[in-house]
Amino acid sequence: MSLSKSASADGTTLTIQIKGKFDFNLVQSFRQAYAGINDTTVRVVVDLRETDYMDSSALGMLLNMKKTLGTSVNAIHISNCQPQLKKILQISRFDKKFDID
């Protein structure tokens, strides 16, 4: 279980990649990943390509990020979801709040 972040070359996109379990153990590092967001960042991507588990605390972290960032970013994308994670997000109606692919 780990988290890494990277910015695009032009600084407009922040990507947060989660490997393994996305659960309560990542609360602090997930918050820190987007806490220092700058004015040039207009898009945040949460990459779940290597995430194999997500619980309710992960859903709360995503909602908290959306609330914290507010209108400072144009879009928050949840990308590369495994089928079981995509189903959790859809059941939780996160497809109404986030762009999911």
C-alpha atoms as a PDB file:
ATOM      1  CA  MET A   1       0.000   0.000   0.000  1.00  0.00           C
ATOM      2  CA  SER A   2       1.545   3.248  -1.115  1.00  0.00           C
ATOM      3  CA  LEU A   3       0.717   6.599  -2.581  1.00  0.00           C
ATOM      4  CA  SER A   4       2.676   8.735  -5.014  1.00  0.00           C
ATOM      5  CA  LYS A   5       1.957  12.031  -6.677  1.00  0.00           C
ATOM      6  CA  SER A   6       3.256  13.750  -9.755  1.00  0.00           C
ATOM      7  CA  ALA A   7       2.556  16.926 -11.676  1.00  0.00           C
ATOM      8  CA  SER A   8       2.348  17.274 -15.434  1.00  0.00           C
ATOM      9  CA  ALA A   9       5.167  19.116 -17.198  1.00  0.00           C
ATOM     10  CA  ASP A  10       3.045  22.273 -17.534  1.00  0.00           C
ATOM     11  CA  GLY A  11       1.796  21.996 -13.946  1.00  0.00           C
ATOM     12  CA  THR A  12      -1.898  21.916 -14.861  1.00  0.00           C
ATOM     13  CA  THR A  13      -2.549  18.323 -13.773  1.00  0.00           C
ATOM     14  CA  LEU A  14      -1.801  16.659 -10.440  1.00  0.00           C
ATOM     15  CA  THR A  15      -1.883  12.854 -10.508  1.00  0.00           C
ATOM     16  CA  ILE A  16      -2.236  10.866  -7.295  1.00  0.00           C
ATOM     17  CA  GLN A  17      -1.541   7.165  -7.770  1.00  0.00           C
ATOM     18  CA  ILE A  18      -2.581   4.623  -5.170  1.00  0.00           C
ATOM     19  CA  LYS A  19      -1.072   1.138  -5.062  1.00  0.00           C
ATOM     20  CA  GLY A  20      -2.589  -1.704  -3.067  1.00  0.00           C
ATOM     21  CA  LYS A  21      -5.252  -0.837  -0.506  1.00  0.00           C
ATOM     22  CA  PHE A  22      -7.001   2.548  -0.466  1.00  0.00           C
ATOM     23  CA  ASP A  23      -8.132   2.688   3.150  1.00  0.00           C
ATOM     24  CA  PHE A  24      -7.849   4.626   6.408  1.00  0.00           C
ATOM     25  CA  ASN A  25      -4.084   4.063   6.580  1.00  0.00           C
ATOM     26  CA  LEU A  26      -3.666   6.557   3.723  1.00  0.00           C
ATOM     27  CA  VAL A  27      -5.634   9.443   5.281  1.00  0.00           C
ATOM     28  CA  GLN A  28      -2.632  11.653   6.087  1.00  0.00           C
ATOM     29  CA  SER A  29      -0.605  10.963   2.949  1.00  0.00           C
ATOM     30  CA  PHE A  30      -3.671  11.380   0.704  1.00  0.00           C
ATOM     31  CA  ARG A  31      -4.486  14.732   2.301  1.00  0.00           C
ATOM     32  CA  GLN A  32      -0.866  15.866   1.979  1.00  0.00           C
ATOM     33  CA  ALA A  33      -0.813  14.854  -1.696  1.00  0.00           C
ATOM     34  CA  TYR A  34      -3.294  17.582  -2.648  1.00  0.00           C
ATOM     35  CA  ALA A  35      -2.749  20.036   0.227  1.00  0.00           C
ATOM     36  CA  GLY A  36      -0.007  22.004  -1.517  1.00  0.00           C
ATOM     37  CA  ILE A  37      -1.878  22.421  -4.786  1.00  0.00           C
ATOM     38  CA  ASN A  38      -0.913  25.581  -6.642  1.00  0.00           C
ATOM     39  CA  ASP A  39      -2.911  28.052  -8.745  1.00  0.00           C
ATOM     40  CA  THR A  40      -1.816  26.578 -12.075  1.00  0.00           C
ATOM     41  CA  THR A  41      -3.291  23.144 -11.300  1.00  0.00           C
ATOM     42  CA  VAL A  42      -6.749  22.867 -12.857  1.00  0.00           C
ATOM     43  CA  ARG A  43      -7.184  19.081 -12.901  1.00  0.00           C
ATOM     44  CA  VAL A  44      -6.616  16.323 -10.367  1.00  0.00           C
ATOM     45  CA  VAL A  45      -6.421  12.668 -11.425  1.00  0.00           C
ATOM     46  CA  VAL A  46      -6.715   9.873  -8.870  1.00  0.00           C
ATOM     47  CA  ASP A  47      -5.170   6.868 -10.625  1.00  0.00           C
ATOM     48  CA  LEU A  48      -6.480   3.554  -9.275  1.00  0.00           C
ATOM     49  CA  ARG A  49      -4.691   1.348 -11.812  1.00  0.00           C
ATOM     50  CA  GLU A  50      -2.823  -0.573  -9.119  1.00  0.00           C
ATOM     51  CA  THR A  51      -5.473  -0.333  -6.412  1.00  0.00           C
ATOM     52  CA  ASP A  52      -7.069  -3.630  -5.470  1.00  0.00           C
ATOM     53  CA  TYR A  53      -9.172  -2.620  -2.448  1.00  0.00           C
ATOM     54  CA  MET A  54     -11.189   0.410  -1.389  1.00  0.00           C
ATOM     55  CA  ASP A  55     -13.316   0.898   1.717  1.00  0.00           C
ATOM     56  CA  SER A  56     -15.718   3.548   2.991  1.00  0.00           C
ATOM     57  CA  SER A  57     -12.889   5.674   4.398  1.00  0.00           C
ATOM     58  CA  ALA A  58     -11.493   5.967   0.844  1.00  0.00           C
ATOM     59  CA  LEU A  59     -14.861   7.264  -0.326  1.00  0.00           C
ATOM     60  CA  GLY A  60     -14.778   9.793   2.506  1.00  0.00           C
ATOM     61  CA  MET A  61     -11.267  10.886   1.541  1.00  0.00           C
ATOM     62  CA  LEU A  62     -12.390  11.487  -2.048  1.00  0.00           C
ATOM     63  CA  LEU A  63     -15.362  13.559  -0.881  1.00  0.00           C
ATOM     64  CA  ASN A  64     -13.172  15.514   1.518  1.00  0.00           C
ATOM     65  CA  MET A  65     -10.714  16.272  -1.296  1.00  0.00           C
ATOM     66  CA  LYS A  66     -13.556  17.528  -3.496  1.00  0.00           C
ATOM     67  CA  LYS A  67     -14.840  19.728  -0.679  1.00  0.00           C
ATOM     68  CA  THR A  68     -11.367  21.061   0.175  1.00  0.00           C
ATOM     69  CA  LEU A  69     -10.391  21.865  -3.411  1.00  0.00           C
ATOM     70  CA  GLY A  70     -13.811  23.333  -4.188  1.00  0.00           C
ATOM     71  CA  THR A  71     -13.668  25.552  -7.242  1.00  0.00           C
ATOM     72  CA  SER A  72      -9.864  25.830  -7.298  1.00  0.00           C
ATOM     73  CA  VAL A  73      -9.766  22.937  -9.801  1.00  0.00           C
ATOM     74  CA  ASN A  74     -12.000  22.423 -12.827  1.00  0.00           C
ATOM     75  CA  ALA A  75     -12.211  18.645 -12.617  1.00  0.00           C
ATOM     76  CA  ILE A  76     -11.353  15.653 -10.470  1.00  0.00           C
ATOM     77  CA  HIS A  77     -10.982  12.427 -12.444  1.00  0.00           C
ATOM     78  CA  ILE A  78     -10.907   8.933 -10.989  1.00  0.00           C
ATOM     79  CA  SER A  79      -9.145   6.866 -13.606  1.00  0.00           C
ATOM     80  CA  ASN A  80      -8.140   3.290 -14.424  1.00  0.00           C
ATOM     81  CA  CYS A  81     -10.583   1.668 -11.999  1.00  0.00           C
ATOM     82  CA  GLN A  82     -10.649  -2.080 -11.613  1.00  0.00           C
ATOM     83  CA  PRO A  83     -14.188  -3.414 -12.285  1.00  0.00           C
ATOM     84  CA  GLN A  84     -14.892  -4.100  -8.593  1.00  0.00           C
ATOM     85  CA  LEU A  85     -13.827  -0.562  -7.606  1.00  0.00           C
ATOM     86  CA  LYS A  86     -15.850   1.004 -10.398  1.00  0.00           C
ATOM     87  CA  LYS A  87     -18.895  -0.866  -9.116  1.00  0.00           C
ATOM     88  CA  ILE A  88     -18.358   0.487  -5.584  1.00  0.00           C
ATOM     89  CA  LEU A  89     -18.078   4.029  -6.970  1.00  0.00           C
ATOM     90  CA  GLN A  90     -21.219   3.642  -9.070  1.00  0.00           C
ATOM     91  CA  ILE A  91     -23.267   2.144  -6.224  1.00  0.00           C
ATOM     92  CA  SER A  92     -22.139   5.066  -4.055  1.00  0.00           C
ATOM     93  CA  ARG A  93     -23.211   7.449  -6.853  1.00  0.00           C
ATOM     94  CA  PHE A  94     -19.723   8.920  -7.163  1.00  0.00           C
ATOM     95  CA  ASP A  95     -20.233   9.009 -10.929  1.00  0.00           C
ATOM     96  CA  LYS A  96     -22.462  12.053 -10.243  1.00  0.00           C
ATOM     97  CA  LYS A  97     -19.680  13.926  -8.408  1.00  0.00           C
ATOM     98  CA  PHE A  98     -16.523  12.787 -10.226  1.00  0.00           C
ATOM     99  CA  ASP A  99     -15.463  11.912 -13.738  1.00  0.00           C
ATOM    100  CA  ILE A 100     -14.799   8.164 -13.628  1.00  0.00           C
ATOM    101  CA  ASP A 101     -13.123   6.157 -16.386  1.00  0.00           C
END
